[in-house]
Amino acid sequence: MNTDWLIVAAVTVPALLLHAILFVLVRRWMDRDLALSLAGEDPARRAWMLERLAQARRQGVRRRELPAWLERAAAGYPAVPS
């Protein structure tokens, strides 16, 4: 009976860890996609928005507040005259 529990634990623990890792990665990808979608196609603005995303992470902006925070950051992009 002990080997049954050992097998269950040996399979369950890595599966839970894999799910936790995937959950964190998908959230990061979603945040990155949000920042890039607010940046548009301009490569300089995309890089700038990714830096704002990194800044938000350093400041500890809550995930619920992140979309509004990134929208404000996108609105504050320094305009370069054409």
PDB file of N, CA and C in Angstrom:
ATOM      1  N   MET A   1       0.826  -1.194   0.000  1.00  0.00           N
ATOM      2  CA  MET A   1       0.000   0.000   0.000  1.00  0.00           C
ATOM      3  C   MET A   1       0.867   1.254   0.000  1.00  0.00           C
ATOM      4  N   ASN A   2       2.045   1.211   0.627  1.00  0.00           N
ATOM      5  CA  ASN A   2       2.913   2.378   0.668  1.00  0.00           C
ATOM      6  C   ASN A   2       3.420   2.769  -0.708  1.00  0.00           C
ATOM      7  N   THR A   3       3.679   1.793  -1.552  1.00  0.00           N
ATOM      8  CA  THR A   3       4.168   2.125  -2.895  1.00  0.00           C
ATOM      9  C   THR A   3       3.097   2.812  -3.717  1.00  0.00           C
ATOM     10  N   ASP A   4       1.843   2.494  -3.462  1.00  0.00           N
ATOM     11  CA  ASP A   4       0.759   3.176  -4.176  1.00  0.00           C
ATOM     12  C   ASP A   4       0.769   4.671  -3.861  1.00  0.00           C
ATOM     13  N   TRP A   5       0.916   4.982  -2.583  1.00  0.00           N
ATOM     14  CA  TRP A   5       0.939   6.394  -2.177  1.00  0.00           C
ATOM     15  C   TRP A   5       2.183   7.091  -2.711  1.00  0.00           C
ATOM     16  N   LEU A   6       3.272   6.378  -2.759  1.00  0.00           N
ATOM     17  CA  LEU A   6       4.511   6.932  -3.286  1.00  0.00           C
ATOM     18  C   LEU A   6       4.369   7.271  -4.769  1.00  0.00           C
ATOM     19  N   ILE A   7       3.744   6.396  -5.508  1.00  0.00           N
ATOM     20  CA  ILE A   7       3.517   6.634  -6.935  1.00  0.00           C
ATOM     21  C   ILE A   7       2.585   7.820  -7.134  1.00  0.00           C
ATOM     22  N   VAL A   8       1.521   7.872  -6.360  1.00  0.00           N
ATOM     23  CA  VAL A   8       0.584   8.988  -6.464  1.00  0.00           C
ATOM     24  C   VAL A   8       1.294  10.309  -6.153  1.00  0.00           C
ATOM     25  N   ALA A   9       2.087  10.325  -5.108  1.00  0.00           N
ATOM     26  CA  ALA A   9       2.813  11.545  -4.740  1.00  0.00           C
ATOM     27  C   ALA A   9       3.855  11.894  -5.798  1.00  0.00           C
ATOM     28  N   ALA A  10       4.529  10.880  -6.335  1.00  0.00           N
ATOM     29  CA  ALA A  10       5.571  11.113  -7.338  1.00  0.00           C
ATOM     30  C   ALA A  10       4.999  11.678  -8.634  1.00  0.00           C
ATOM     31  N   VAL A  11       3.758  11.433  -8.892  1.00  0.00           N
ATOM     32  CA  VAL A  11       3.127  11.965 -10.096  1.00  0.00           C
ATOM     33  C   VAL A  11       2.413  13.287  -9.797  1.00  0.00           C
ATOM     34  N   THR A  12       1.794  13.399  -8.651  1.00  0.00           N
ATOM     35  CA  THR A  12       0.995  14.572  -8.311  1.00  0.00           C
ATOM     36  C   THR A  12       1.857  15.810  -8.081  1.00  0.00           C
ATOM     37  N   VAL A  13       2.922  15.683  -7.353  1.00  0.00           N
ATOM     38  CA  VAL A  13       3.756  16.850  -7.028  1.00  0.00           C
ATOM     39  C   VAL A  13       4.332  17.492  -8.295  1.00  0.00           C
ATOM     40  N   PRO A  14       4.957  16.736  -9.192  1.00  0.00           N
ATOM     41  CA  PRO A  14       5.457  17.383 -10.419  1.00  0.00           C
ATOM     42  C   PRO A  14       4.328  17.967 -11.281  1.00  0.00           C
ATOM     43  N   ALA A  15       3.175  17.314 -11.291  1.00  0.00           N
ATOM     44  CA  ALA A  15       2.055  17.834 -12.070  1.00  0.00           C
ATOM     45  C   ALA A  15       1.585  19.177 -11.515  1.00  0.00           C
ATOM     46  N   LEU A  16       1.495  19.287 -10.197  1.00  0.00           N
ATOM     47  CA  LEU A  16       1.098  20.551  -9.577  1.00  0.00           C
ATOM     48  C   LEU A  16       2.135  21.636  -9.836  1.00  0.00           C
ATOM     49  N   LEU A  17       3.411  21.290  -9.763  1.00  0.00           N
ATOM     50  CA  LEU A  17       4.468  22.259 -10.055  1.00  0.00           C
ATOM     51  C   LEU A  17       4.405  22.714 -11.509  1.00  0.00           C
ATOM     52  N   LEU A  18       4.180  21.789 -12.412  1.00  0.00           N
ATOM     53  CA  LEU A  18       4.061  22.144 -13.826  1.00  0.00           C
ATOM     54  C   LEU A  18       2.893  23.097 -14.045  1.00  0.00           C
ATOM     55  N   HIS A  19       1.764  22.835 -13.427  1.00  0.00           N
ATOM     56  CA  HIS A  19       0.606  23.710 -13.568  1.00  0.00           C
ATOM     57  C   HIS A  19       0.893  25.096 -12.989  1.00  0.00           C
ATOM     58  N   ALA A  20       1.571  25.160 -11.875  1.00  0.00           N
ATOM     59  CA  ALA A  20       1.902  26.453 -11.270  1.00  0.00           C
ATOM     60  C   ALA A  20       2.849  27.236 -12.181  1.00  0.00           C
ATOM     61  N   ILE A  21       3.837  26.573 -12.740  1.00  0.00           N
ATOM     62  CA  ILE A  21       4.775  27.245 -13.649  1.00  0.00           C
ATOM     63  C   ILE A  21       4.057  27.741 -14.888  1.00  0.00           C
ATOM     64  N   LEU A  22       3.214  26.909 -15.461  1.00  0.00           N
ATOM     65  CA  LEU A  22       2.464  27.322 -16.652  1.00  0.00           C
ATOM     66  C   LEU A  22       1.533  28.493 -16.336  1.00  0.00           C
ATOM     67  N   PHE A  23       0.922  28.487 -15.168  1.00  0.00           N
ATOM     68  CA  PHE A  23       0.034  29.570 -14.770  1.00  0.00           C
ATOM     69  C   PHE A  23       0.793  30.896 -14.721  1.00  0.00           C
ATOM     70  N   VAL A  24       1.971  30.879 -14.110  1.00  0.00           N
ATOM     71  CA  VAL A  24       2.784  32.097 -14.006  1.00  0.00           C
ATOM     72  C   VAL A  24       3.244  32.552 -15.388  1.00  0.00           C
ATOM     73  N   LEU A  25       3.684  31.616 -16.219  1.00  0.00           N
ATOM     74  CA  LEU A  25       4.139  31.981 -17.567  1.00  0.00           C
ATOM     75  C   LEU A  25       3.021  32.572 -18.417  1.00  0.00           C
ATOM     76  N   VAL A  26       1.846  31.984 -18.343  1.00  0.00           N
ATOM     77  CA  VAL A  26       0.720  32.495 -19.135  1.00  0.00           C
ATOM     78  C   VAL A  26       0.342  33.892 -18.662  1.00  0.00           C
ATOM     79  N   ARG A  27       0.367  34.134 -17.361  1.00  0.00           N
ATOM     80  CA  ARG A  27       0.068  35.492 -16.860  1.00  0.00           C
ATOM     81  C   ARG A  27       1.090  36.491 -17.362  1.00  0.00           C
ATOM     82  N   ARG A  28       2.366  36.122 -17.358  1.00  0.00           N
ATOM     83  CA  ARG A  28       3.407  37.023 -17.864  1.00  0.00           C
ATOM     84  C   ARG A  28       3.216  37.298 -19.347  1.00  0.00           C
ATOM     85  N   TRP A  29       2.881  36.244 -20.115  1.00  0.00           N
ATOM     86  CA  TRP A  29       2.654  36.437 -21.548  1.00  0.00           C
ATOM     87  C   TRP A  29       1.454  37.341 -21.789  1.00  0.00           C
ATOM     88  N   MET A  30       0.417  37.192 -20.991  1.00  0.00           N
ATOM     89  CA  MET A  30      -0.767  38.046 -21.146  1.00  0.00           C
ATOM     90  C   MET A  30      -0.425  39.504 -20.841  1.00  0.00           C
ATOM     91  N   ASP A  31       0.354  39.743 -19.796  1.00  0.00           N
ATOM     92  CA  ASP A  31       0.762  41.106 -19.457  1.00  0.00           C
ATOM     93  C   ASP A  31       1.615  41.707 -20.569  1.00  0.00           C
ATOM     94  N   ARG A  32       2.532  40.904 -21.105  1.00  0.00           N
ATOM     95  CA  ARG A  32       3.392  41.371 -22.200  1.00  0.00           C
ATOM     96  C   ARG A  32       2.557  41.683 -23.442  1.00  0.00           C
ATOM     97  N   ASP A  33       1.610  40.811 -23.764  1.00  0.00           N
ATOM     98  CA  ASP A  33       0.743  41.051 -24.913  1.00  0.00           C
ATOM     99  C   ASP A  33      -0.088  42.315 -24.732  1.00  0.00           C
ATOM    100  N   LEU A  34      -0.549  42.565 -23.518  1.00  0.00           N
ATOM    101  CA  LEU A  34      -1.305  43.781 -23.252  1.00  0.00           C
ATOM    102  C   LEU A  34      -0.440  45.011 -23.508  1.00  0.00           C
ATOM    103  N   ALA A  35       0.774  44.988 -22.988  1.00  0.00           N
ATOM    104  CA  ALA A  35       1.682  46.128 -23.179  1.00  0.00           C
ATOM    105  C   ALA A  35       1.977  46.334 -24.665  1.00  0.00           C
ATOM    106  N   LEU A  36       2.216  45.260 -25.381  1.00  0.00           N
ATOM    107  CA  LEU A  36       2.534  45.385 -26.808  1.00  0.00           C
ATOM    108  C   LEU A  36       1.319  45.817 -27.620  1.00  0.00           C
ATOM    109  N   SER A  37       0.135  45.399 -27.222  1.00  0.00           N
ATOM    110  CA  SER A  37      -1.061  45.814 -27.953  1.00  0.00           C
ATOM    111  C   SER A  37      -1.329  47.303 -27.758  1.00  0.00           C
ATOM    112  N   LEU A  38      -0.982  47.828 -26.592  1.00  0.00           N
ATOM    113  CA  LEU A  38      -1.145  49.261 -26.356  1.00  0.00           C
ATOM    114  C   LEU A  38      -0.081  50.074 -27.091  1.00  0.00           C
ATOM    115  N   ALA A  39       1.016  49.430 -27.459  1.00  0.00           N
ATOM    116  CA  ALA A  39       2.112  50.131 -28.128  1.00  0.00           C
ATOM    117  C   ALA A  39       1.882  50.274 -29.622  1.00  0.00           C
ATOM    118  N   GLY A  40       1.146  49.367 -30.216  1.00  0.00           N
ATOM    119  CA  GLY A  40       0.964  49.426 -31.660  1.00  0.00           C
ATOM    120  C   GLY A  40       2.142  48.805 -32.387  1.00  0.00           C
ATOM    121  N   GLU A  41       2.409  49.295 -33.601  1.00  0.00           N
ATOM    122  CA  GLU A  41       3.435  48.699 -34.452  1.00  0.00           C
ATOM    123  C   GLU A  41       4.783  49.408 -34.387  1.00  0.00           C
ATOM    124  N   ASP A  42       4.864  50.535 -33.718  1.00  0.00           N
ATOM    125  CA  ASP A  42       6.107  51.294 -33.645  1.00  0.00           C
ATOM    126  C   ASP A  42       7.112  50.560 -32.755  1.00  0.00           C
ATOM    127  N   PRO A  43       8.269  50.144 -33.322  1.00  0.00           N
ATOM    128  CA  PRO A  43       9.242  49.379 -32.525  1.00  0.00           C
ATOM    129  C   PRO A  43       9.775  50.157 -31.317  1.00  0.00           C
ATOM    130  N   ALA A  44       9.975  51.450 -31.463  1.00  0.00           N
ATOM    131  CA  ALA A  44      10.476  52.239 -30.333  1.00  0.00           C
ATOM    132  C   ALA A  44       9.430  52.298 -29.223  1.00  0.00           C
ATOM    133  N   ARG A  45       8.176  52.458 -29.612  1.00  0.00           N
ATOM    134  CA  ARG A  45       7.108  52.514 -28.605  1.00  0.00           C
ATOM    135  C   ARG A  45       6.910  51.154 -27.943  1.00  0.00           C
ATOM    136  N   ARG A  46       7.082  50.069 -28.712  1.00  0.00           N
ATOM    137  CA  ARG A  46       6.965  48.727 -28.145  1.00  0.00           C
ATOM    138  C   ARG A  46       8.038  48.511 -27.072  1.00  0.00           C
ATOM    139  N   ALA A  47       9.270  48.906 -27.385  1.00  0.00           N
ATOM    140  CA  ALA A  47      10.361  48.773 -26.412  1.00  0.00           C
ATOM    141  C   ALA A  47      10.080  49.634 -25.187  1.00  0.00           C
ATOM    142  N   TRP A  48       9.556  50.829 -25.427  1.00  0.00           N
ATOM    143  CA  TRP A  48       9.240  51.739 -24.331  1.00  0.00           C
ATOM    144  C   TRP A  48       8.152  51.143 -23.425  1.00  0.00           C
ATOM    145  N   MET A  49       7.129  50.535 -24.044  1.00  0.00           N
ATOM    146  CA  MET A  49       6.046  49.935 -23.253  1.00  0.00           C
ATOM    147  C   MET A  49       6.535  48.708 -22.487  1.00  0.00           C
ATOM    148  N   LEU A  50       7.433  47.936 -23.071  1.00  0.00           N
ATOM    149  CA  LEU A  50       7.976  46.792 -22.331  1.00  0.00           C
ATOM    150  C   LEU A  50       8.779  47.277 -21.125  1.00  0.00           C
ATOM    151  N   GLU A  51       9.451  48.412 -21.265  1.00  0.00           N
ATOM    152  CA  GLU A  51      10.166  48.985 -20.124  1.00  0.00           C
ATOM    153  C   GLU A  51       9.173  49.471 -19.067  1.00  0.00           C
ATOM    154  N   ARG A  52       8.045  50.047 -19.488  1.00  0.00           N
ATOM    155  CA  ARG A  52       7.016  50.462 -18.532  1.00  0.00           C
ATOM    156  C   ARG A  52       6.444  49.247 -17.812  1.00  0.00           C
ATOM    157  N   LEU A  53       6.286  48.126 -18.519  1.00  0.00           N
ATOM    158  CA  LEU A  53       5.801  46.895 -17.892  1.00  0.00           C
ATOM    159  C   LEU A  53       6.793  46.428 -16.828  1.00  0.00           C
ATOM    160  N   ALA A  54       8.079  46.472 -17.160  1.00  0.00           N
ATOM    161  CA  ALA A  54       9.103  46.101 -16.177  1.00  0.00           C
ATOM    162  C   ALA A  54       9.067  47.053 -14.985  1.00  0.00           C
ATOM    163  N   GLN A  55       8.832  48.331 -15.251  1.00  0.00           N
ATOM    164  CA  GLN A  55       8.738  49.313 -14.171  1.00  0.00           C
ATOM    165  C   GLN A  55       7.537  49.000 -13.272  1.00  0.00           C
ATOM    166  N   ALA A  56       6.420  48.645 -13.877  1.00  0.00           N
ATOM    167  CA  ALA A  56       5.224  48.302 -13.099  1.00  0.00           C
ATOM    168  C   ALA A  56       5.502  47.101 -12.201  1.00  0.00           C
ATOM    169  N   ARG A  57       6.228  46.113 -12.726  1.00  0.00           N
ATOM    170  CA  ARG A  57       6.564  44.943 -11.910  1.00  0.00           C
ATOM    171  C   ARG A  57       7.472  45.332 -10.752  1.00  0.00           C
ATOM    172  N   ARG A  58       8.457  46.210 -11.027  1.00  0.00           N
ATOM    173  CA  ARG A  58       9.367  46.647  -9.958  1.00  0.00           C
ATOM    174  C   ARG A  58       8.618  47.429  -8.889  1.00  0.00           C
ATOM    175  N   GLN A  59       7.616  48.224  -9.305  1.00  0.00           N
ATOM    176  CA  GLN A  59       6.845  49.024  -8.353  1.00  0.00           C
ATOM    177  C   GLN A  59       5.796  48.192  -7.617  1.00  0.00           C
ATOM    178  N   GLY A  60       5.565  46.986  -8.078  1.00  0.00           N
ATOM    179  CA  GLY A  60       4.598  46.126  -7.409  1.00  0.00           C
ATOM    180  C   GLY A  60       3.150  46.468  -7.739  1.00  0.00           C
ATOM    181  N   VAL A  61       2.912  46.933  -8.958  1.00  0.00           N
ATOM    182  CA  VAL A  61       1.539  47.243  -9.374  1.00  0.00           C
ATOM    183  C   VAL A  61       0.746  45.943  -9.380  1.00  0.00           C
ATOM    184  N   ARG A  62      -0.403  45.977  -8.743  1.00  0.00           N
ATOM    185  CA  ARG A  62      -1.244  44.779  -8.665  1.00  0.00           C
ATOM    186  C   ARG A  62      -1.781  44.446 -10.048  1.00  0.00           C
ATOM    187  N   ARG A  63      -1.998  43.185 -10.270  1.00  0.00           N
ATOM    188  CA  ARG A  63      -2.432  42.719 -11.589  1.00  0.00           C
ATOM    189  C   ARG A  63      -3.771  43.331 -11.982  1.00  0.00           C
ATOM    190  N   ARG A  64      -4.639  43.540 -11.037  1.00  0.00           N
ATOM    191  CA  ARG A  64      -5.944  44.127 -11.306  1.00  0.00           C
ATOM    192  C   ARG A  64      -5.807  45.572 -11.795  1.00  0.00           C
ATOM    193  N   GLU A  65      -4.785  46.252 -11.307  1.00  0.00           N
ATOM    194  CA  GLU A  65      -4.566  47.657 -11.661  1.00  0.00           C
ATOM    195  C   GLU A  65      -3.665  47.826 -12.881  1.00  0.00           C
ATOM    196  N   LEU A  66      -3.059  46.747 -13.339  1.00  0.00           N
ATOM    197  CA  LEU A  66      -2.074  46.826 -14.408  1.00  0.00           C
ATOM    198  C   LEU A  66      -2.630  47.367 -15.726  1.00  0.00           C
ATOM    199  N   PRO A  67      -3.801  46.945 -16.208  1.00  0.00           N
ATOM    200  CA  PRO A  67      -4.281  47.506 -17.480  1.00  0.00           C
ATOM    201  C   PRO A  67      -4.428  49.028 -17.445  1.00  0.00           C
ATOM    202  N   ALA A  68      -5.012  49.561 -16.387  1.00  0.00           N
ATOM    203  CA  ALA A  68      -5.166  51.013 -16.291  1.00  0.00           C
ATOM    204  C   ALA A  68      -3.807  51.689 -16.170  1.00  0.00           C
ATOM    205  N   TRP A  69      -2.901  51.080 -15.428  1.00  0.00           N
ATOM    206  CA  TRP A  69      -1.557  51.639 -15.262  1.00  0.00           C
ATOM    207  C   TRP A  69      -0.844  51.693 -16.602  1.00  0.00           C
ATOM    208  N   LEU A  70      -0.947  50.619 -17.377  1.00  0.00           N
ATOM    209  CA  LEU A  70      -0.294  50.588 -18.692  1.00  0.00           C
ATOM    210  C   LEU A  70      -0.953  51.565 -19.672  1.00  0.00           C
ATOM    211  N   GLU A  71      -2.265  51.732 -19.575  1.00  0.00           N
ATOM    212  CA  GLU A  71      -2.936  52.706 -20.443  1.00  0.00           C
ATOM    213  C   GLU A  71      -2.465  54.121 -20.135  1.00  0.00           C
ATOM    214  N   ARG A  72      -2.315  54.429 -18.853  1.00  0.00           N
ATOM    215  CA  ARG A  72      -1.787  55.754 -18.494  1.00  0.00           C
ATOM    216  C   ARG A  72      -0.357  55.917 -18.984  1.00  0.00           C
ATOM    217  N   ALA A  73       0.425  54.851 -18.885  1.00  0.00           N
ATOM    218  CA  ALA A  73       1.811  54.910 -19.361  1.00  0.00           C
ATOM    219  C   ALA A  73       1.842  55.095 -20.873  1.00  0.00           C
ATOM    220  N   ALA A  74       0.954  54.421 -21.589  1.00  0.00           N
ATOM    221  CA  ALA A  74       0.911  54.555 -23.050  1.00  0.00           C
ATOM    222  C   ALA A  74       0.516  55.969 -23.444  1.00  0.00           C
ATOM    223  N   ALA A  75      -0.383  56.571 -22.679  1.00  0.00           N
ATOM    224  CA  ALA A  75      -0.794  57.945 -22.973  1.00  0.00           C
ATOM    225  C   ALA A  75       0.344  58.922 -22.712  1.00  0.00           C
ATOM    226  N   GLY A  76       1.273  58.560 -21.848  1.00  0.00           N
ATOM    227  CA  GLY A  76       2.383  59.433 -21.522  1.00  0.00           C
ATOM    228  C   GLY A  76       3.605  59.223 -22.401  1.00  0.00           C
ATOM    229  N   TYR A  77       3.448  58.465 -23.484  1.00  0.00           N
ATOM    230  CA  TYR A  77       4.581  58.226 -24.388  1.00  0.00           C
ATOM    231  C   TYR A  77       5.027  59.551 -24.985  1.00  0.00           C
ATOM    232  N   PRO A  78       6.326  59.821 -24.914  1.00  0.00           N
ATOM    233  CA  PRO A  78       6.797  61.118 -25.444  1.00  0.00           C
ATOM    234  C   PRO A  78       6.600  61.189 -26.960  1.00  0.00           C
ATOM    235  N   ALA A  79       5.843  62.183 -27.375  1.00  0.00           N
ATOM    236  CA  ALA A  79       5.552  62.349 -28.806  1.00  0.00           C
ATOM    237  C   ALA A  79       6.776  62.937 -29.504  1.00  0.00           C
ATOM    238  N   VAL A  80       7.123  62.315 -30.612  1.00  0.00           N
ATOM    239  CA  VAL A  80       8.237  62.799 -31.405  1.00  0.00           C
ATOM    240  C   VAL A  80       7.659  63.482 -32.633  1.00  0.00           C
ATOM    241  N   PRO A  81       7.981  64.780 -32.858  1.00  0.00           N
ATOM    242  CA  PRO A  81       7.427  65.449 -34.026  1.00  0.00           C
ATOM    243  C   PRO A  81       7.929  64.825 -35.317  1.00  0.00           C
ATOM    244  N   SER A  82       7.027  64.695 -36.268  1.00  0.00           N
ATOM    245  CA  SER A  82       7.381  64.080 -37.558  1.00  0.00           C
ATOM    246  C   SER A  82       7.937  65.095 -38.523  1.00  0.00           C
TER     247      SER A  82
END
